[in-house]
N, C-alpha and C. Protein backbone atom coordinates (compact mmCIF):
# COMPACT_ATOMS: atom_id res chain seq x y z
N UNK A 1 9.78 -17.86 5.21
CA UNK A 1 9.36 -16.60 3.69
C UNK A 1 8.03 -16.35 4.05
N UNK A 2 8.72 -14.69 4.15
CA UNK A 2 7.55 -13.68 3.62
C UNK A 2 6.75 -13.62 2.56
N UNK A 3 5.44 -14.09 2.13
CA UNK A 3 4.56 -13.44 1.47
C UNK A 3 3.37 -11.98 2.11
N UNK A 4 3.97 -11.51 0.48
CA UNK A 4 2.93 -10.15 0.49
C UNK A 4 1.96 -9.91 -0.42
N UNK A 5 1.01 -10.53 -0.58
CA UNK A 5 -0.58 -10.60 -1.20
C UNK A 5 -1.47 -9.45 -1.30
N UNK A 6 -1.52 -8.72 -2.22
CA UNK A 6 -2.14 -7.65 -2.42
C UNK A 6 -3.84 -7.77 -3.51
N UNK A 7 -4.06 -7.26 -3.19
CA UNK A 7 -6.10 -7.47 -3.49
C UNK A 7 -6.54 -5.31 -3.75
N UNK A 8 -7.50 -6.03 -4.26
CA UNK A 8 -8.66 -4.86 -4.31
C UNK A 8 -8.46 -3.80 -4.81
N UNK A 9 -7.17 -4.09 -6.78
CA UNK A 9 -7.45 -2.59 -7.55
C UNK A 9 -8.47 -3.24 -9.15
N UNK A 10 -8.60 -2.10 -9.56
CA UNK A 10 -9.58 -2.14 -10.38
C UNK A 10 -9.71 -0.95 -10.92
N UNK A 11 -10.34 -0.82 -12.24
CA UNK A 11 -10.98 0.56 -13.06
C UNK A 11 -12.29 0.93 -11.24
N UNK A 12 -11.75 2.73 -11.76
CA UNK A 12 -12.78 3.04 -10.78
C UNK A 12 -13.51 4.53 -11.40
N UNK A 13 -13.79 5.26 -11.96
CA UNK A 13 -14.19 6.67 -12.16
C UNK A 13 -13.13 7.54 -11.40
N UNK A 14 -13.53 9.13 -12.48
CA UNK A 14 -12.33 9.74 -11.16
C UNK A 14 -13.42 10.34 -9.73
N UNK A 15 -13.15 10.51 -8.97
CA UNK A 15 -13.91 10.60 -7.85
C UNK A 15 -14.41 9.49 -6.99
N UNK A 16 -14.10 8.55 -7.88
CA UNK A 16 -14.20 7.43 -6.61
C UNK A 16 -13.10 6.67 -5.83
N UNK A 17 -14.02 5.63 -5.21
CA UNK A 17 -13.14 4.71 -4.25
C UNK A 17 -12.83 3.74 -4.41
N UNK A 18 -11.57 3.42 -3.74
CA UNK A 18 -11.38 1.36 -3.97
C UNK A 18 -10.71 1.58 -2.75
N UNK A 19 -10.75 -0.09 -2.30
CA UNK A 19 -9.49 -0.33 -1.03
C UNK A 19 -8.88 -1.52 -1.25
N UNK A 20 -7.78 -1.37 -0.82
CA UNK A 20 -6.17 -1.88 -1.70
C UNK A 20 -6.10 -2.84 -0.48
N UNK A 21 -6.21 -4.14 -0.14
CA UNK A 21 -5.50 -5.00 0.39
C UNK A 21 -4.40 -6.09 0.63
N UNK A 22 -4.16 -5.80 1.80
CA UNK A 22 -2.11 -6.89 1.89
C UNK A 22 -2.67 -7.82 2.61
N UNK A 23 -2.14 -9.00 2.33
CA UNK A 23 -2.24 -9.95 3.03
C UNK A 23 -0.85 -10.16 3.68
N UNK A 24 -0.22 -10.49 4.45
CA UNK A 24 1.43 -11.02 5.04
C UNK A 24 1.32 -11.79 5.72
N UNK A 25 2.76 -12.38 4.82
CA UNK A 25 2.47 -14.01 6.02
C UNK A 25 4.07 -13.97 6.17
N UNK A 26 4.72 -15.29 7.36
CA UNK A 26 5.96 -15.06 7.45
C UNK A 26 7.07 -13.96 8.37
N UNK A 27 6.17 -13.28 8.76
CA UNK A 27 6.30 -12.04 9.91
C UNK A 27 5.87 -11.95 10.46
N UNK A 28 6.56 -11.22 11.71
CA UNK A 28 5.73 -10.70 12.74
C UNK A 28 5.30 -9.37 12.36
N UNK A 29 4.14 -9.60 11.68
CA UNK A 29 3.56 -8.38 10.96
C UNK A 29 2.85 -7.73 12.22
N UNK A 30 2.58 -7.59 13.75
CA UNK A 30 2.20 -6.60 14.18
C UNK A 30 3.33 -5.86 14.98
N UNK A 31 4.74 -6.53 14.83
CA UNK A 31 6.25 -5.43 14.78
C UNK A 31 7.26 -4.60 13.68
N UNK A 32 6.18 -4.74 13.08
CA UNK A 32 6.96 -4.14 10.97
C UNK A 32 6.28 -2.93 10.56
N UNK A 33 6.61 -2.24 10.08
CA UNK A 33 6.53 -0.73 9.57
C UNK A 33 6.29 -1.51 8.28
N UNK A 34 5.13 -1.21 7.66
CA UNK A 34 4.32 -1.74 6.36
C UNK A 34 3.97 0.07 5.38
N UNK A 35 4.36 -0.64 4.27
CA UNK A 35 3.61 0.75 3.19
C UNK A 35 3.20 -0.15 2.15
N UNK A 36 2.88 1.35 1.35
CA UNK A 36 2.32 0.97 0.73
C UNK A 36 3.12 2.37 -0.65
N UNK A 37 3.48 1.63 -1.76
CA UNK A 37 4.41 1.97 -3.10
C UNK A 37 3.39 2.30 -4.28
N UNK A 38 3.65 3.81 -5.01
CA UNK A 38 2.92 3.16 -6.32
C UNK A 38 3.99 3.28 -7.48
N UNK A 39 3.83 2.66 -8.93
CA UNK A 39 4.31 2.89 -9.80
C UNK A 39 3.63 3.64 -11.14
N UNK A 40 3.73 4.71 -11.50
CA UNK A 40 2.93 5.46 -12.72
C UNK A 40 4.41 4.36 -13.69
N UNK A 41 2.84 4.21 -15.41
CA UNK A 41 4.26 3.59 -16.57
C UNK A 41 5.17 5.11 -16.93
N UNK A 42 6.84 4.86 -17.03
CA UNK A 42 7.04 5.65 -17.04
C UNK A 42 7.80 6.34 -16.04
N UNK A 43 7.32 6.40 -14.94
CA UNK A 43 8.47 6.80 -13.47
C UNK A 43 9.20 6.44 -12.87
N UNK A 44 9.14 6.39 -11.49
CA UNK A 44 9.54 5.15 -10.00
C UNK A 44 8.13 5.02 -9.48
N UNK A 45 9.00 4.53 -8.93
CA UNK A 45 8.51 3.78 -7.58
C UNK A 45 8.57 4.38 -6.92
N UNK A 46 6.80 5.35 -5.80
CA UNK A 46 6.64 6.66 -4.89
C UNK A 46 6.08 5.91 -4.22
N UNK A 47 7.25 6.32 -3.23
CA UNK A 47 6.28 6.38 -1.90
C UNK A 47 4.98 6.97 -0.93
N UNK A 48 3.96 5.86 -1.03
CA UNK A 48 2.53 6.28 -0.56
C UNK A 48 2.02 6.44 0.49
N UNK A 49 1.96 6.51 0.94
CA UNK A 49 1.86 6.56 2.32
C UNK A 49 2.62 4.65 3.74
N UNK A 50 3.17 5.03 4.58
CA UNK A 50 3.31 3.63 5.20
C UNK A 50 3.29 4.38 6.50
N UNK A 51 2.71 2.78 7.48
CA UNK A 51 2.37 2.91 8.76
C UNK A 51 3.32 1.71 9.78
N UNK A 52 3.75 2.85 10.83
CA UNK A 52 4.57 1.31 11.81
C UNK A 52 4.50 0.67 12.27
N UNK A 53 5.46 -0.10 13.81
CA UNK A 53 4.20 -0.59 13.92
C UNK A 53 3.69 -0.53 15.75
N UNK A 54 3.91 1.32 15.51
CA UNK A 54 2.79 1.42 16.76
C UNK A 54 2.17 2.49 15.64
N UNK A 55 1.66 2.33 14.90
CA UNK A 55 0.67 3.00 13.55
C UNK A 55 0.50 4.60 13.78
N UNK A 56 2.04 4.88 13.36
CA UNK A 56 2.40 6.57 12.78
C UNK A 56 1.90 5.97 11.83
N UNK A 57 1.75 7.39 11.26
CA UNK A 57 1.59 7.17 9.19
C UNK A 57 2.65 8.34 9.28
N UNK A 58 2.80 8.26 7.14
CA UNK A 58 3.10 8.95 6.66
C UNK A 58 2.86 9.24 5.64
N UNK A 59 2.40 9.54 5.43
CA UNK A 59 1.19 9.60 3.30
C UNK A 59 2.49 10.88 2.54
N UNK A 60 2.35 10.09 1.05
CA UNK A 60 2.90 11.56 -0.02
C UNK A 60 2.27 12.96 -0.05
N UNK A 61 2.34 13.90 -0.43
CA UNK A 61 1.45 15.53 0.23
C UNK A 61 0.45 14.96 -1.07
N UNK A 62 0.88 14.44 -2.58
CA UNK A 62 -0.45 13.93 -3.16
C UNK A 62 -1.65 13.29 -2.98
N UNK A 63 -1.20 12.28 -1.83
CA UNK A 63 -2.17 12.17 -1.62
C UNK A 63 -3.47 12.03 0.36
N UNK A 64 -2.24 13.05 0.05
CA UNK A 64 -2.64 13.41 2.11
C UNK A 64 -4.28 13.67 1.70
N UNK A 65 -5.08 13.18 2.90
CA UNK A 65 -6.40 13.87 2.67
C UNK A 65 -7.73 13.28 2.05
N UNK A 66 -6.62 12.26 1.36
CA UNK A 66 -7.24 11.76 -0.26
C UNK A 66 -7.73 10.27 0.54
N UNK A 67 -6.33 9.87 1.02
CA UNK A 67 -5.82 8.01 0.68
C UNK A 67 -5.47 7.74 2.85
N UNK A 68 -5.89 6.94 2.69
CA UNK A 68 -5.70 6.02 4.51
C UNK A 68 -4.69 5.10 4.77
N UNK A 69 -4.19 4.44 4.84
CA UNK A 69 -3.41 3.42 5.35
C UNK A 69 -3.42 2.90 6.54
N UNK A 70 -4.30 2.18 7.09
CA UNK A 70 -5.05 0.84 8.29
C UNK A 70 -3.92 0.08 8.05
N UNK A 71 -3.72 -0.74 9.20
CA UNK A 71 -3.82 -2.16 9.47
C UNK A 71 -4.31 -2.51 10.99
N UNK A 72 -4.68 -4.12 10.18
CA UNK A 72 -5.71 -4.73 11.62
C UNK A 72 -4.65 -6.04 11.67
N UNK A 73 -3.52 -6.38 12.52
CA UNK A 73 -2.60 -6.69 13.07
C UNK A 73 -3.50 -8.38 14.33
N UNK A 74 -4.48 -8.03 14.04
CA UNK A 74 -4.99 -9.30 14.03
C UNK A 74 -5.42 -10.35 13.31
N UNK A 75 -5.43 -10.04 11.58
CA UNK A 75 -5.47 -10.70 10.41
C UNK A 75 -4.37 -9.67 9.94
N UNK A 76 -3.38 -10.13 9.85
CA UNK A 76 -2.03 -10.04 9.15
C UNK A 76 -1.81 -8.88 7.88
N UNK A 77 -2.68 -8.55 7.82
CA UNK A 77 -3.78 -7.86 6.55
C UNK A 77 -3.42 -5.78 6.65
N UNK A 78 -3.11 -5.29 5.88
CA UNK A 78 -2.35 -3.90 5.83
C UNK A 78 -3.32 -3.18 4.62
N UNK A 79 -4.27 -1.92 5.07
CA UNK A 79 -5.23 -1.26 4.19
C UNK A 79 -4.38 -0.36 3.61
N UNK A 80 -5.03 0.47 2.16
CA UNK A 80 -5.49 1.46 1.90
C UNK A 80 -5.91 2.05 1.08
N UNK A 81 -7.11 2.39 1.47
CA UNK A 81 -8.49 3.06 1.54
C UNK A 81 -8.18 4.21 0.86
N UNK A 82 -8.57 4.83 -0.56
CA UNK A 82 -8.03 5.62 -1.53
C UNK A 82 -10.07 6.06 -1.98
N UNK A 83 -9.90 7.38 -2.07
CA UNK A 83 -11.10 7.70 -1.32
C UNK A 83 -11.28 9.23 -2.86
N UNK A 84 -11.74 9.58 -3.60
CA UNK A 84 -11.54 10.55 -4.70
C UNK A 84 -10.35 10.75 -5.59
N UNK A 85 -10.76 9.04 -5.59
CA UNK A 85 -9.86 9.36 -6.87
C UNK A 85 -9.48 10.45 -7.98
N UNK A 86 -8.20 9.67 -8.61
CA UNK A 86 -7.27 10.98 -9.55
C UNK A 86 -7.61 10.17 -10.63
N UNK A 87 -6.78 10.72 -12.59
CA UNK A 87 -6.34 9.99 -13.47
C UNK A 87 -4.90 9.96 -13.12
N UNK A 88 -4.55 10.82 -12.53
CA UNK A 88 -2.99 10.61 -11.98
C UNK A 88 -2.61 10.03 -10.99
N UNK A 89 -3.71 9.09 -10.37
CA UNK A 89 -3.88 8.19 -9.13
C UNK A 89 -3.32 6.20 -9.85
N UNK A 90 -3.74 6.46 -11.39
CA UNK A 90 -3.64 5.70 -12.00
C UNK A 90 -2.13 5.00 -12.21
N UNK A 91 -2.03 3.49 -10.98
CA UNK A 91 -0.70 2.89 -11.37
C UNK A 91 -0.66 1.33 -10.51
N UNK A 92 0.67 0.95 -10.75
CA UNK A 92 0.41 -0.32 -9.84
C UNK A 92 0.99 0.21 -8.81
N UNK A 93 0.09 -0.32 -7.69
CA UNK A 93 0.25 -0.20 -5.95
C UNK A 93 0.55 -1.67 -5.40
N UNK A 94 2.38 -1.10 -4.55
CA UNK A 94 2.71 -2.65 -3.91
C UNK A 94 2.24 -2.29 -2.57
N UNK A 95 2.19 -3.80 -2.28
CA UNK A 95 2.65 -3.50 -0.40
C UNK A 95 4.02 -4.30 -0.39
N UNK A 96 4.70 -3.42 0.86
CA UNK A 96 6.45 -3.21 1.61
C UNK A 96 5.79 -3.54 2.62
N UNK A 97 7.22 -4.90 2.96
CA UNK A 97 7.33 -4.97 4.25
C UNK A 97 8.47 -4.70 5.12
N UNK A 98 9.57 -3.65 5.58
CA UNK A 98 10.15 -3.30 5.87
C UNK A 98 10.79 -4.68 7.08
N UNK A 99 11.67 -5.42 6.96
CA UNK A 99 12.63 -6.26 7.88
C UNK A 99 12.96 -5.53 8.50
N UNK A 100 13.58 -5.88 10.04
CA UNK A 100 14.68 -5.63 10.61
C UNK A 100 16.12 -6.08 10.73
N UNK A 101 15.06 -7.80 11.62
CA UNK A 101 15.99 -8.62 12.00
C UNK A 101 15.84 -10.39 10.79
N UNK A 102 16.67 -11.01 10.77
CA UNK A 102 18.40 -10.79 11.04
C UNK A 102 19.09 -9.89 10.59
N UNK A 103 18.49 -9.22 9.63
CA UNK A 103 18.96 -8.10 8.76
C UNK A 103 18.19 -7.30 7.95
N UNK A 104 18.09 -6.17 7.51
CA UNK A 104 17.33 -5.52 7.39
C UNK A 104 17.19 -5.66 5.92
N UNK A 105 15.66 -5.74 5.74
CA UNK A 105 16.00 -5.69 3.75
C UNK A 105 13.94 -5.61 3.82
N UNK A 106 13.58 -5.30 2.41
CA UNK A 106 12.78 -5.15 2.56
C UNK A 106 11.69 -6.53 1.49
N UNK A 107 10.58 -6.48 1.29
CA UNK A 107 9.93 -6.97 0.67
C UNK A 107 8.82 -6.27 0.15
N UNK A 108 8.65 -6.89 -1.23
CA UNK A 108 7.30 -6.79 -2.03
C UNK A 108 6.64 -7.44 -2.00
N UNK A 109 5.17 -7.34 -2.58
CA UNK A 109 4.79 -7.69 -2.88
C UNK A 109 4.30 -7.61 -4.72
N UNK A 110 3.38 -8.31 -5.11
CA UNK A 110 3.31 -8.01 -6.78
C UNK A 110 2.84 -7.01 -7.32
N UNK A 111 2.30 -6.54 -6.71
CA UNK A 111 1.60 -5.31 -7.24
C UNK A 111 0.12 -5.51 -7.74
N UNK A 112 -1.05 -4.33 -7.09
CA UNK A 112 -2.00 -4.87 -7.77
C UNK A 112 -2.49 -3.15 -8.72
N UNK A 113 -3.53 -2.70 -10.25
CA UNK A 113 -3.42 -2.91 -10.90
C UNK A 113 -4.57 -1.55 -10.07
N UNK A 114 -3.83 -0.57 -9.96
CA UNK A 114 -5.45 0.52 -9.96
C UNK A 114 -5.38 1.60 -11.03
N UNK A 115 -6.98 1.63 -11.64
CA UNK A 115 -7.28 2.32 -13.36
C UNK A 115 -7.95 3.18 -12.45
N UNK A 116 -7.29 5.47 -12.81
CA UNK A 116 -8.97 5.24 -12.96
C UNK A 116 -9.01 6.38 -14.13
N UNK A 117 -9.90 6.16 -14.79
CA UNK A 117 -10.22 6.70 -15.49
C UNK A 117 -11.05 8.55 -15.54
N UNK A 118 -11.01 9.37 -16.58
CA UNK A 118 -11.47 10.65 -16.44
C UNK A 118 -12.81 10.86 -16.75
């Protein structure tokens, strides 16, 4: 059973930083594409950043240069370093795993709330 557990959310002032973590279990973490998504109130869930098993990264335009996604395969943990936070970054942040075997499916964590005050 695949489980993803996020942590690190909280309240921060604009311009501040936070680091989110996602502890993964029940999957071959090193071979799995992982991602961070977010959903703000009244909006659809959107991709924030993604990292492949080979550590290639993709970022939403809105976070490029401010956020960094990384992974530690020895700890089965995904990270999102968020700097220069803005009020519009306020959202619930979700960890995502793209499982391809035996069938393609996505697994989500429970989410962690990030609130950026102005």
